[in-house]
Amino acid sequence: MTAVSDPIIDNVLDTVGDQAVGRAVPRALTPFKIPAYRKLAAALVFSSFAGGVWLVALVWEVFRLGGSAPQLSFVSTMAAVGVIIPALLAGVVADRVPQKLILLAVAGVELTGMAFAAAAAYAGFSSVGLLAGTAFVTGMAMAFYYPAYSALLPSIVPAEDLMAVNGFEGMVRPTIGQAIGPAAAGAVIGVAAPSSAFAIAAAAMVLAIVALTTVPRTPLRRTLDERHATHPVRSAFTDMGEGVRYMVRTPWLLASLLFACLSVLAMMGPLEVLVPVFIKSTLEGDASDHSWVLAAFGVGGAVGSLAMASIRMPRRYLTVMMACWGLGSLPFVLIAEATALWMIILACFVVGITFSAPTVIWGTLLQRRVPPDLLGRVSSLDFFVSISLMPVSMALVGPVSELIGVRATFWIAALAPLVVCVVAWLWARMPADEVSNPLD
């Protein structure tokens, strides 16, 4: 017997189903009623998994080649420098070029880099310099991802669902990218080699590209005028200047970004370079132990993001955001005094919560308070300023830890962000700003 589909009945059932889903699922999952977002989310899952596998494989390929803290610091620094160089230009591109095309191009470059690293490791001609160069190129591509993705979301998702989207993505990225991906990489490296993990990352990126091709192309919210066509370079600098001027005259934005910049300087080097070195040298751990630490950070991020996405925007949203970020560095004290792996796992779990929960507020804040035609450029400024000192952190953490000790370096990472946070909160008069600009 052949089933006959009635379009009217189908539409009614879809509507009823969407309403049921809306009642049954947490607030964080409501954007999945939008088909375009479901496709974008699938691409996010695959690319996050690939990135998590890539991160662990890169670290342990450096160790396999005989590298230590200085060599790993060099590779991490090159990746960070690659991200920074085109970051401001990326915002201009995101406001001028269909964001779907940008995301596809980024994924293509990442796929190429991962496949190349896998081939080099399999063939036996991998080296620290080669890995650094590959990390640099893929980092340059990643600079274009965040502004394009941030500018694309408000074209797909209604404003009232943006907090839910940011919360869900804040859950997916750490769960998949910092827990499941690294765990898979650690398992593969344990039974095979980093080369196999590189290959798995490349395969996941292929799936991400397939999912991205199904995302609809959204219209640009900013049209190009004759100035852009006649003087593209000059107009690009003009566009960058508009974004910078907006940032400078918006105290909450400027103070938050400067805090993020200094916080990254204090925390990222110890987290990405010293933690695996500490696990390997002091605790005599391996890739699997490193994966457990990254997984704890990721699960903590998922918990924090889901919790924040499941509630309404806090009335004191700037204060809540800054308090979480400022206090979130204190678990580095536990890492500094760690004598067992579980202590590092617990610390990274708490850091994951306090890092991701306020990031949900931050992403929603940009999408709701920044003018739409400036969102790509402001997002790129967010990306650029926030990570501008990351290469410095990666480059300094090795020599500094050798000079003052690993534990003292972790103590600095624990205390410095809290001090900067308080100064930024007071200087920008955030309590008055959030009362004057409610986002309920």
Protein backbone atom coordinates (compact mmCIF):
# COMPACT_ATOMS: atom_id res chain seq x y z
CA MET A 1 0.00 0.00 0.00
CA THR A 2 1.48 3.35 -1.06
CA ALA A 3 1.36 6.24 1.37
CA VAL A 4 -0.03 9.51 0.01
CA SER A 5 1.33 12.75 1.42
CA ASP A 6 -0.99 15.75 1.71
CA PRO A 7 1.02 19.03 1.80
CA ILE A 8 -1.60 20.72 3.96
CA ILE A 9 -1.57 17.92 6.50
CA ASP A 10 2.24 17.87 6.42
CA ASN A 11 2.39 21.57 7.15
CA VAL A 12 -0.05 21.20 10.05
CA LEU A 13 1.97 18.32 11.49
CA ASP A 14 5.21 20.30 11.12
CA THR A 15 3.63 23.24 12.94
CA VAL A 16 2.31 21.07 15.75
CA GLY A 17 5.66 19.30 15.99
CA ASP A 18 7.56 22.56 16.21
CA GLN A 19 5.23 23.73 18.99
CA ALA A 20 5.71 20.48 20.84
CA VAL A 21 9.46 20.73 20.48
CA GLY A 22 9.31 24.31 21.70
CA ARG A 23 7.51 23.13 24.86
CA ALA A 24 9.59 19.99 25.41
CA VAL A 25 13.17 21.12 24.95
CA PRO A 26 15.24 23.61 26.92
CA ARG A 27 15.45 27.20 25.73
CA ALA A 28 18.92 26.43 24.34
CA LEU A 29 17.47 24.10 21.69
CA THR A 30 14.67 26.32 20.34
CA PRO A 31 16.73 27.56 17.33
CA PHE A 32 16.64 24.03 15.91
CA LYS A 33 13.15 24.78 14.65
CA ILE A 34 14.93 26.79 11.94
CA PRO A 35 16.09 24.48 9.08
CA ALA A 36 18.95 26.77 8.03
CA TYR A 37 20.33 26.80 11.54
CA ARG A 38 20.13 23.01 11.83
CA LYS A 39 22.43 22.76 8.80
CA LEU A 40 24.81 25.37 10.14
CA ALA A 41 24.88 23.60 13.50
CA ALA A 42 25.79 20.31 11.81
CA ALA A 43 28.74 22.02 10.13
CA LEU A 44 29.76 23.48 13.50
CA VAL A 45 29.74 20.03 15.13
CA PHE A 46 31.98 18.47 12.48
CA SER A 47 34.41 21.40 12.35
CA SER A 48 34.61 21.56 16.16
CA PHE A 49 35.43 17.85 16.29
CA ALA A 50 38.12 18.31 13.63
CA GLY A 51 39.61 21.24 15.55
CA GLY A 52 39.72 19.28 18.80
CA VAL A 53 41.47 16.34 17.18
CA TRP A 54 43.89 18.69 15.39
CA LEU A 55 44.87 20.46 18.63
CA VAL A 56 45.91 17.29 20.45
CA ALA A 57 47.53 15.71 17.38
CA LEU A 58 49.64 18.84 16.85
CA VAL A 59 50.91 18.85 20.44
CA TRP A 60 51.85 15.19 20.49
CA GLU A 61 53.38 15.23 17.02
CA VAL A 62 55.75 17.92 18.35
CA PHE A 63 56.59 15.64 21.28
CA ARG A 64 57.01 12.66 18.92
CA LEU A 65 59.58 14.67 16.99
CA GLY A 66 61.56 15.24 20.18
CA GLY A 67 60.27 18.72 20.94
CA SER A 68 59.67 20.17 24.39
CA ALA A 69 58.21 23.41 25.81
CA PRO A 70 60.19 25.83 23.55
CA GLN A 71 59.30 23.90 20.37
CA LEU A 72 55.64 23.58 21.33
CA SER A 73 55.62 27.26 22.23
CA PHE A 74 57.02 28.05 18.77
CA VAL A 75 54.31 26.07 16.96
CA SER A 76 51.55 27.60 19.11
CA THR A 77 52.97 31.08 18.56
CA MET A 78 52.98 30.65 14.78
CA ALA A 79 49.33 29.55 14.85
CA ALA A 80 48.40 32.60 16.94
CA VAL A 81 50.37 34.98 14.70
CA GLY A 82 48.61 33.53 11.67
CA VAL A 83 45.26 34.32 13.23
CA ILE A 84 46.21 37.88 14.12
CA ILE A 85 47.69 39.10 10.83
CA PRO A 86 44.47 39.18 8.74
CA ALA A 87 42.03 39.60 11.64
CA LEU A 88 41.04 43.22 10.94
CA LEU A 89 40.73 42.59 7.20
CA ALA A 90 38.51 39.60 7.98
CA GLY A 91 35.85 41.89 9.42
CA VAL A 92 35.78 44.02 6.28
CA VAL A 93 35.46 40.88 4.15
CA ALA A 94 32.64 39.57 6.36
CA ASP A 95 30.64 42.75 5.74
CA ARG A 96 31.26 42.66 1.97
CA VAL A 97 31.24 38.99 0.92
CA PRO A 98 28.47 36.40 1.49
CA GLN A 99 29.40 34.78 4.78
CA LYS A 100 28.63 31.26 3.57
CA LEU A 101 31.36 31.55 0.94
CA ILE A 102 33.85 32.72 3.57
CA LEU A 103 33.05 29.78 5.84
CA LEU A 104 33.49 27.34 2.95
CA ALA A 105 36.86 28.87 2.07
CA VAL A 106 38.03 28.65 5.69
CA ALA A 107 37.00 25.00 5.92
CA GLY A 108 38.81 24.26 2.65
CA VAL A 109 42.08 25.70 3.93
CA GLU A 110 41.77 23.83 7.22
CA LEU A 111 41.10 20.58 5.37
CA THR A 112 44.19 21.12 3.23
CA GLY A 113 46.38 21.81 6.27
CA MET A 114 45.14 18.76 8.18
CA ALA A 115 45.53 16.47 5.19
CA PHE A 116 49.03 17.82 4.53
CA ALA A 117 50.08 17.26 8.17
CA ALA A 118 48.74 13.69 8.00
CA ALA A 119 50.58 12.97 4.75
CA ALA A 120 53.84 14.46 6.07
CA ALA A 121 53.68 12.40 9.26
CA TYR A 122 52.84 9.20 7.38
CA ALA A 123 55.64 9.76 4.87
CA GLY A 124 58.18 10.55 7.57
CA PHE A 125 59.14 14.09 6.53
CA SER A 126 57.25 15.91 9.29
CA SER A 127 59.21 18.47 11.32
CA VAL A 128 58.55 21.14 13.92
CA GLY A 129 59.11 23.83 11.27
CA LEU A 130 56.64 22.17 8.91
CA LEU A 131 54.04 21.93 11.65
CA ALA A 132 54.59 25.58 12.55
CA GLY A 133 54.10 26.62 8.93
CA THR A 134 50.92 24.58 8.61
CA ALA A 135 49.58 25.98 11.88
CA PHE A 136 50.36 29.50 10.62
CA VAL A 137 48.39 29.02 7.38
CA THR A 138 45.38 27.39 9.02
CA GLY A 139 45.48 30.13 11.65
CA MET A 140 45.24 32.78 8.94
CA ALA A 141 42.15 31.03 7.56
CA MET A 142 40.58 30.84 11.02
CA ALA A 143 40.85 34.63 11.34
CA PHE A 144 38.08 34.88 8.75
CA TYR A 145 35.79 32.36 10.45
CA TYR A 146 34.61 34.21 13.56
CA PRO A 147 33.60 37.54 11.92
CA ALA A 148 31.79 35.74 9.09
CA TYR A 149 30.00 33.34 11.42
CA SER A 150 28.99 36.12 13.83
CA ALA A 151 27.65 38.26 10.99
CA LEU A 152 25.75 35.29 9.49
CA LEU A 153 23.84 34.25 12.61
CA PRO A 154 21.49 37.27 12.93
CA SER A 155 20.49 36.72 9.28
CA ILE A 156 19.33 33.19 10.09
CA VAL A 157 18.13 33.34 13.70
CA PRO A 158 15.60 35.81 15.21
CA ALA A 159 16.92 38.21 17.84
CA GLU A 160 14.95 36.52 20.64
CA ASP A 161 16.73 33.22 19.92
CA LEU A 162 20.29 34.57 19.76
CA MET A 163 21.00 33.91 23.43
CA ALA A 164 19.82 30.32 22.98
CA VAL A 165 22.03 29.93 19.90
CA ASN A 166 25.09 31.32 21.63
CA GLY A 167 24.40 29.07 24.59
CA PHE A 168 23.97 25.97 22.48
CA GLU A 169 27.12 26.74 20.51
CA GLY A 170 28.94 27.47 23.73
CA MET A 171 27.93 23.97 24.76
CA VAL A 172 28.82 22.30 21.45
CA ARG A 173 32.24 23.87 20.94
CA PRO A 174 33.69 22.75 24.28
CA THR A 175 31.88 19.41 24.34
CA ILE A 176 32.88 18.43 20.82
CA GLY A 177 36.01 20.53 20.31
CA GLN A 178 37.54 20.30 23.77
CA ALA A 179 36.18 16.99 25.09
CA ILE A 180 35.08 14.47 22.45
CA GLY A 181 37.58 15.55 19.78
CA PRO A 182 40.60 15.55 22.09
CA ALA A 183 39.46 12.28 23.70
CA ALA A 184 39.24 10.65 20.28
CA ALA A 185 42.66 12.03 19.37
CA GLY A 186 44.18 10.76 22.60
CA ALA A 187 42.75 7.28 22.03
CA VAL A 188 43.96 7.16 18.43
CA ILE A 189 47.44 8.42 19.32
CA GLY A 190 47.61 5.88 22.12
CA VAL A 191 47.08 2.92 19.76
CA ALA A 192 48.51 4.40 16.56
CA ALA A 193 50.22 7.76 16.02
CA PRO A 194 49.47 11.50 15.64
CA SER A 195 49.41 10.98 11.86
CA SER A 196 46.22 8.91 12.21
CA ALA A 197 44.64 11.65 14.32
CA PHE A 198 45.48 14.22 11.63
CA ALA A 199 43.71 12.00 9.08
CA ILE A 200 40.61 11.76 11.27
CA ALA A 201 40.55 15.54 11.65
CA ALA A 202 40.70 15.93 7.87
CA ALA A 203 37.82 13.46 7.39
CA ALA A 204 35.67 15.38 9.87
CA MET A 205 36.41 18.61 8.03
CA VAL A 206 35.17 17.04 4.79
CA LEU A 207 31.83 16.40 6.52
CA ALA A 208 31.77 20.00 7.75
CA ILE A 209 32.19 21.26 4.18
CA VAL A 210 29.36 19.00 2.97
CA ALA A 211 27.07 20.42 5.67
CA LEU A 212 28.07 24.01 4.88
CA THR A 213 27.12 23.59 1.23
CA THR A 214 23.49 23.04 2.33
CA VAL A 215 23.31 26.28 4.33
CA PRO A 216 21.33 28.91 2.38
CA ARG A 217 23.19 31.95 1.15
CA THR A 218 21.88 35.01 2.99
CA PRO A 219 21.82 38.54 1.53
CA LEU A 220 24.39 41.05 2.72
CA ARG A 221 23.07 43.74 5.02
CA ARG A 222 25.51 46.24 3.60
CA THR A 223 25.73 47.21 -0.05
CA LEU A 224 28.91 48.26 -1.80
CA ASP A 225 29.02 51.78 -3.15
CA GLU A 226 31.11 53.24 -5.96
CA ARG A 227 33.92 54.09 -3.54
CA HIS A 228 34.49 50.41 -2.80
CA ALA A 229 34.72 49.53 -6.47
CA THR A 230 37.04 52.42 -7.36
CA HIS A 231 39.40 52.37 -4.37
CA PRO A 232 39.08 48.93 -2.77
CA VAL A 233 42.23 49.23 -0.62
CA ARG A 234 41.44 52.74 0.57
CA SER A 235 37.83 51.79 1.27
CA ALA A 236 38.98 48.73 3.21
CA PHE A 237 41.01 50.95 5.54
CA THR A 238 38.06 53.33 5.81
CA ASP A 239 35.81 50.44 6.80
CA MET A 240 38.34 49.29 9.40
CA GLY A 241 38.47 52.83 10.76
CA GLU A 242 34.69 52.90 11.19
CA GLY A 243 34.86 49.75 13.29
CA VAL A 244 37.75 51.06 15.39
CA ARG A 245 35.98 54.38 16.03
CA TYR A 246 32.86 52.54 17.16
CA MET A 247 34.94 50.44 19.54
CA VAL A 248 36.77 53.45 21.02
CA ARG A 249 33.60 55.44 21.66
CA THR A 250 31.79 52.47 23.25
CA PRO A 251 33.24 52.08 26.77
CA TRP A 252 31.76 48.67 27.66
CA LEU A 253 33.10 47.24 24.41
CA LEU A 254 36.57 48.78 24.69
CA ALA A 255 37.02 47.84 28.35
CA SER A 256 35.86 44.26 27.77
CA LEU A 257 38.22 43.79 24.85
CA LEU A 258 41.21 45.25 26.69
CA PHE A 259 40.48 42.98 29.64
CA ALA A 260 40.27 39.98 27.29
CA CYS A 261 43.58 40.97 25.69
CA LEU A 262 45.46 41.09 29.01
CA SER A 263 43.68 38.00 30.31
CA VAL A 264 44.78 36.03 27.25
CA LEU A 265 48.34 37.21 27.85
CA ALA A 266 48.26 35.83 31.39
CA MET A 267 46.30 32.60 30.82
CA MET A 268 46.59 31.16 27.33
CA GLY A 269 50.29 30.36 27.32
CA PRO A 270 50.09 28.47 30.63
CA LEU A 271 46.91 26.67 29.57
CA GLU A 272 47.98 25.56 26.09
CA VAL A 273 51.74 25.14 26.57
CA LEU A 274 52.54 24.60 30.24
CA VAL A 275 49.66 22.25 31.08
CA PRO A 276 50.72 19.51 28.60
CA VAL A 277 54.39 20.05 29.51
CA PHE A 278 53.52 19.79 33.23
CA ILE A 279 51.52 16.62 32.58
CA LYS A 280 54.37 15.05 30.61
CA SER A 281 57.36 16.10 32.69
CA THR A 282 56.09 16.41 36.26
CA LEU A 283 53.21 13.93 36.35
CA GLU A 284 54.76 11.59 33.75
CA GLY A 285 51.50 11.53 31.80
CA ASP A 286 50.76 10.96 28.13
CA ALA A 287 48.37 12.07 25.38
CA SER A 288 45.46 10.31 27.05
CA ASP A 289 46.00 12.29 30.27
CA HIS A 290 46.19 15.53 28.28
CA SER A 291 42.93 14.59 26.57
CA TRP A 292 41.24 14.11 29.95
CA VAL A 293 42.26 17.62 30.97
CA LEU A 294 40.97 19.12 27.73
CA ALA A 295 37.79 17.09 28.09
CA ALA A 296 37.25 18.48 31.58
CA PHE A 297 37.66 22.01 30.23
CA GLY A 298 35.21 21.20 27.46
CA VAL A 299 32.59 19.59 29.69
CA GLY A 300 32.82 22.54 32.05
CA GLY A 301 32.29 24.88 29.12
CA ALA A 302 29.26 22.89 28.02
CA VAL A 303 27.75 23.02 31.51
CA GLY A 304 28.33 26.76 31.81
CA SER A 305 26.96 27.53 28.35
CA LEU A 306 23.86 25.36 28.72
CA ALA A 307 23.10 26.87 32.12
CA MET A 308 23.40 30.42 30.76
CA ALA A 309 21.38 29.61 27.63
CA SER A 310 18.56 28.18 29.73
CA ILE A 311 17.85 31.46 31.51
CA ARG A 312 16.93 34.95 30.45
CA MET A 313 19.57 37.59 29.91
CA PRO A 314 20.64 38.77 33.40
CA ARG A 315 19.55 42.31 34.17
CA ARG A 316 23.12 43.07 35.33
CA TYR A 317 24.55 41.32 32.30
CA LEU A 318 27.86 43.21 32.17
CA THR A 319 28.54 42.69 35.87
CA VAL A 320 27.71 38.97 35.69
CA MET A 321 29.88 38.58 32.60
CA MET A 322 32.91 40.33 34.06
CA ALA A 323 32.58 38.62 37.46
CA CYS A 324 32.58 35.18 35.86
CA TRP A 325 35.61 35.97 33.72
CA GLY A 326 37.55 37.65 36.51
CA LEU A 327 36.97 34.96 39.12
CA GLY A 328 37.39 32.24 36.52
CA SER A 329 41.17 32.50 36.55
CA LEU A 330 41.50 31.54 40.23
CA PRO A 331 41.48 27.74 39.59
CA PHE A 332 44.96 28.16 38.10
CA VAL A 333 46.07 28.22 41.76
CA LEU A 334 45.03 24.58 41.99
CA ILE A 335 47.02 23.77 38.85
CA ALA A 336 50.04 25.54 40.34
CA GLU A 337 49.91 23.32 43.41
CA ALA A 338 48.81 20.14 41.66
CA THR A 339 50.39 16.87 42.73
CA ALA A 340 47.99 14.60 40.81
CA LEU A 341 46.17 14.68 37.49
CA TRP A 342 42.72 14.93 39.05
CA MET A 343 43.59 18.34 40.48
CA ILE A 344 44.33 19.72 37.01
CA ILE A 345 41.17 18.09 35.66
CA LEU A 346 39.05 19.71 38.37
CA ALA A 347 40.65 23.12 37.85
CA CYS A 348 40.12 23.03 34.10
CA PHE A 349 36.51 21.94 34.58
CA VAL A 350 35.81 25.04 36.69
CA VAL A 351 37.74 27.29 34.28
CA GLY A 352 35.61 25.89 31.46
CA ILE A 353 32.40 26.85 33.27
CA THR A 354 33.51 30.36 34.13
CA PHE A 355 34.92 30.98 30.66
CA SER A 356 31.98 29.76 28.58
CA ALA A 357 29.00 31.00 30.61
CA PRO A 358 29.86 34.72 30.23
CA THR A 359 30.86 34.15 26.60
CA VAL A 360 27.19 33.39 25.90
CA ILE A 361 26.32 36.83 27.25
CA TRP A 362 29.14 38.42 25.27
CA GLY A 363 28.09 36.94 21.92
CA THR A 364 24.47 37.97 22.45
CA LEU A 365 25.58 41.42 23.56
CA LEU A 366 27.47 42.01 20.32
CA GLN A 367 24.61 40.76 18.16
CA ARG A 368 22.00 42.89 19.93
CA ARG A 369 23.84 46.13 20.71
CA VAL A 370 26.18 46.52 17.72
CA PRO A 371 24.60 47.95 14.52
CA PRO A 372 24.09 45.15 11.94
CA ASP A 373 26.18 46.83 9.23
CA LEU A 374 29.13 47.02 11.67
CA LEU A 375 28.81 43.54 13.18
CA GLY A 376 31.39 41.86 10.94
CA ARG A 377 34.01 44.51 11.63
CA VAL A 378 33.31 44.71 15.35
CA SER A 379 33.44 40.92 15.56
CA SER A 380 36.83 40.98 13.86
CA LEU A 381 38.01 43.66 16.30
CA ASP A 382 36.76 41.45 19.12
CA PHE A 383 38.74 38.58 17.66
CA PHE A 384 41.83 40.70 16.95
CA VAL A 385 42.07 42.63 20.22
CA SER A 386 41.18 39.63 22.36
CA ILE A 387 43.95 37.46 20.92
CA SER A 388 46.48 40.11 19.92
CA LEU A 389 48.77 39.14 22.81
CA MET A 390 48.28 35.40 22.40
CA PRO A 391 51.50 34.97 20.38
CA VAL A 392 53.33 36.93 23.09
CA SER A 393 51.84 34.66 25.74
CA MET A 394 52.84 31.54 23.80
CA ALA A 395 56.33 32.88 23.15
CA LEU A 396 56.98 34.10 26.71
CA VAL A 397 55.53 31.25 28.73
CA GLY A 398 58.40 28.86 28.01
CA PRO A 399 61.26 31.24 28.95
CA VAL A 400 59.29 32.75 31.87
CA SER A 401 58.50 29.33 33.32
CA GLU A 402 62.16 28.38 33.09
CA LEU A 403 63.15 31.65 34.80
CA ILE A 404 60.63 31.76 37.68
CA GLY A 405 59.29 28.20 37.65
CA VAL A 406 56.15 26.57 36.30
CA ARG A 407 54.18 26.93 39.54
CA ALA A 408 54.92 30.66 39.85
CA THR A 409 53.81 31.16 36.25
CA PHE A 410 50.48 29.48 37.04
CA TRP A 411 50.05 31.78 40.07
CA ILE A 412 50.41 34.82 37.80
CA ALA A 413 47.81 33.33 35.45
CA ALA A 414 45.47 32.94 38.43
CA LEU A 415 45.68 36.43 39.92
CA ALA A 416 46.45 38.90 37.13
CA PRO A 417 43.10 38.59 35.23
CA LEU A 418 41.09 39.27 38.40
CA VAL A 419 42.89 42.57 39.01
CA VAL A 420 42.47 43.69 35.40
CA CYS A 421 38.79 42.70 35.47
CA VAL A 422 38.00 44.95 38.42
CA VAL A 423 39.80 47.89 36.83
CA ALA A 424 37.94 47.44 33.52
CA TRP A 425 34.55 47.12 35.24
CA LEU A 426 35.05 50.32 37.21
CA TRP A 427 36.63 52.36 34.39
CA ALA A 428 33.83 51.66 31.89
CA ARG A 429 31.11 52.30 34.50
CA MET A 430 29.47 49.06 33.52
CA PRO A 431 26.81 49.06 36.28
CA ALA A 432 25.36 52.32 34.97
CA ASP A 433 25.62 51.21 31.35
CA GLU A 434 23.72 47.94 31.84
CA VAL A 435 20.91 49.71 33.69
CA SER A 436 20.60 52.29 30.90
CA ASN A 437 20.59 49.62 28.17
CA PRO A 438 18.42 46.69 29.37
CA LEU A 439 18.35 43.55 27.22
CA ASP A 440 15.50 41.68 28.92
